[in-house]
Amino acid sequence: MKCIKCGFCPTCGRSDDTGSSIKDTFLNWAKAIGENEEWIEDTFTFHSDGTVTVEGNLDLSFLKEPNIPEGIVRVNGDLDLSSLTSAIGLNLPKEIGGSLNLHSLKSDDKQILRVKYPQHEEKIR
């Protein structure tokens, strides 16, 4: 989602025609998955260019569906998605500093992700 004016500028901070910011998108997602604003604040760093980073590990092992909002570009630690039942619609960060746990995905789904994210080929097991 891009700002209707300029695409995630630090001036307007808008991400779409509803006027919501990337942080608002993540807050709504957190509520939908049973988390809260404190979890968002403790887990994610929101940058003025609209990108999102995670300084440590990101444990999303409770997620069954890949409904993670777009915008996470880096997880410095491990990314645990061990309960996903499908890779359809999954958006992985460009960088993952630690391990990537996709334990429950079928080999076909993992192969699709290896092609889509060649930088993570070694981590997708």
Protein backbone atom coordinates (compact mmCIF):
# COMPACT_ATOMS: atom_id res chain seq x y z
CA MET A 1 0.00 0.00 0.00
CA LYS A 2 1.39 3.35 -1.04
CA CYS A 3 0.56 6.85 0.05
CA ILE A 4 -1.93 8.46 -2.31
CA LYS A 5 0.25 11.55 -2.40
CA CYS A 6 3.81 10.29 -2.56
CA GLY A 7 4.19 6.72 -1.31
CA PHE A 8 4.98 6.54 2.42
CA CYS A 9 6.49 9.97 2.81
CA PRO A 10 7.49 11.13 6.29
CA THR A 11 5.46 14.30 5.81
CA CYS A 12 1.98 12.91 5.33
CA GLY A 13 2.55 9.35 6.62
CA ARG A 14 -0.50 8.11 4.74
CA SER A 15 -0.51 4.72 3.15
CA ASP A 16 -3.74 4.59 1.18
CA ASP A 17 -6.87 6.52 0.32
CA THR A 18 -8.36 5.84 3.76
CA GLY A 19 -5.62 7.91 5.35
CA SER A 20 -4.39 5.05 7.52
CA SER A 21 -0.70 4.64 8.22
CA ILE A 22 1.34 1.47 8.04
CA LYS A 23 1.30 1.41 11.83
CA ASP A 24 -2.51 1.52 11.79
CA THR A 25 -2.48 -1.44 9.40
CA PHE A 26 -0.28 -3.38 11.80
CA LEU A 27 -2.42 -2.40 14.80
CA ASN A 28 -5.55 -3.68 13.06
CA TRP A 29 -3.73 -6.89 12.13
CA ALA A 30 -2.53 -7.34 15.73
CA LYS A 31 -6.09 -7.09 17.02
CA ALA A 32 -7.27 -9.61 14.43
CA ILE A 33 -4.67 -12.16 15.57
CA GLY A 34 -5.23 -11.60 19.29
CA GLU A 35 -2.32 -9.27 20.00
CA ASN A 36 -2.35 -5.68 21.23
CA GLU A 37 -0.72 -2.31 20.72
CA GLU A 38 1.98 -3.06 23.31
CA TRP A 39 3.04 -6.12 21.29
CA ILE A 40 3.25 -3.96 18.15
CA GLU A 41 5.35 -1.33 19.96
CA ASP A 42 7.66 -3.96 21.49
CA THR A 43 8.09 -5.98 18.29
CA PHE A 44 8.15 -3.64 15.29
CA THR A 45 10.03 -0.49 14.33
CA PHE A 46 8.18 1.76 11.88
CA HIS A 47 10.34 3.92 9.64
CA SER A 48 9.40 7.17 7.90
CA ASP A 49 9.81 5.55 4.48
CA GLY A 50 6.97 3.13 5.27
CA THR A 51 9.17 0.13 5.96
CA VAL A 52 9.02 -2.00 9.08
CA THR A 53 11.83 -3.86 10.83
CA VAL A 54 12.09 -6.29 13.72
CA GLU A 55 15.24 -6.01 15.83
CA GLY A 56 14.98 -9.46 17.42
CA ASN A 57 13.01 -12.62 16.74
CA LEU A 58 9.51 -12.60 15.29
CA ASP A 59 7.43 -15.46 16.68
CA LEU A 60 4.31 -15.92 14.58
CA SER A 61 4.16 -19.65 15.24
CA PHE A 62 0.47 -19.36 16.13
CA LEU A 63 -0.54 -18.16 12.64
CA LYS A 64 -2.26 -20.71 10.42
CA GLU A 65 -2.83 -18.34 7.47
CA PRO A 66 -0.17 -16.08 5.89
CA ASN A 67 -1.99 -12.81 6.57
CA ILE A 68 1.06 -10.78 7.59
CA PRO A 69 0.83 -7.15 6.44
CA GLU A 70 3.24 -6.00 3.76
CA GLY A 71 6.05 -3.71 4.77
CA ILE A 72 8.38 -5.84 6.91
CA VAL A 73 11.73 -5.59 5.17
CA ARG A 74 14.01 -7.05 7.84
CA VAL A 75 13.86 -9.43 10.78
CA ASN A 76 17.27 -9.40 12.49
CA GLY A 77 16.59 -12.62 14.39
CA ASP A 78 14.56 -15.76 13.73
CA LEU A 79 11.21 -15.78 11.95
CA ASP A 80 8.89 -18.53 13.18
CA LEU A 81 5.96 -19.33 10.90
CA SER A 82 5.87 -22.98 11.91
CA SER A 83 2.06 -23.39 11.87
CA LEU A 84 1.29 -21.98 8.42
CA THR A 85 -0.93 -24.24 6.36
CA SER A 86 -0.31 -22.45 3.07
CA ALA A 87 2.26 -20.17 1.46
CA ILE A 88 -0.28 -18.52 -0.82
CA GLY A 89 -0.10 -14.79 -0.20
CA LEU A 90 2.88 -15.02 2.14
CA ASN A 91 5.15 -11.98 2.01
CA LEU A 92 8.55 -12.67 3.53
CA PRO A 93 10.93 -9.89 4.54
CA LYS A 94 13.82 -9.17 2.21
CA GLU A 95 16.25 -9.95 5.02
CA ILE A 96 16.08 -12.55 7.79
CA GLY A 97 19.12 -12.55 10.07
CA GLY A 98 18.39 -15.83 11.83
CA SER A 99 16.51 -18.98 10.96
CA LEU A 100 13.21 -19.29 9.12
CA ASN A 101 10.80 -21.90 10.48
CA LEU A 102 8.21 -23.07 7.95
CA HIS A 103 7.93 -26.56 9.45
CA SER A 104 4.26 -27.21 8.64
CA LEU A 105 4.36 -26.18 4.97
CA LYS A 106 4.33 -28.87 2.32
CA SER A 107 7.37 -29.26 0.09
CA ASP A 108 5.50 -27.78 -2.91
CA ASP A 109 4.79 -24.59 -0.95
CA LYS A 110 8.40 -24.41 0.16
CA GLN A 111 9.61 -24.78 -3.42
CA ILE A 112 7.37 -21.91 -4.52
CA LEU A 113 8.89 -19.76 -1.77
CA ARG A 114 12.43 -20.73 -2.80
CA VAL A 115 11.71 -19.45 -6.29
CA LYS A 116 9.95 -16.30 -5.07
CA TYR A 117 12.64 -15.54 -2.44
CA PRO A 118 15.97 -16.85 -3.75
CA GLN A 119 17.82 -14.92 -1.04
CA HIS A 120 16.19 -17.27 1.52
CA GLU A 121 16.68 -20.49 -0.43
CA GLU A 122 19.04 -21.97 2.17
CA LYS A 123 16.69 -21.07 5.04
CA ILE A 124 13.55 -22.57 3.51
CA ARG A 125 13.68 -26.20 4.65
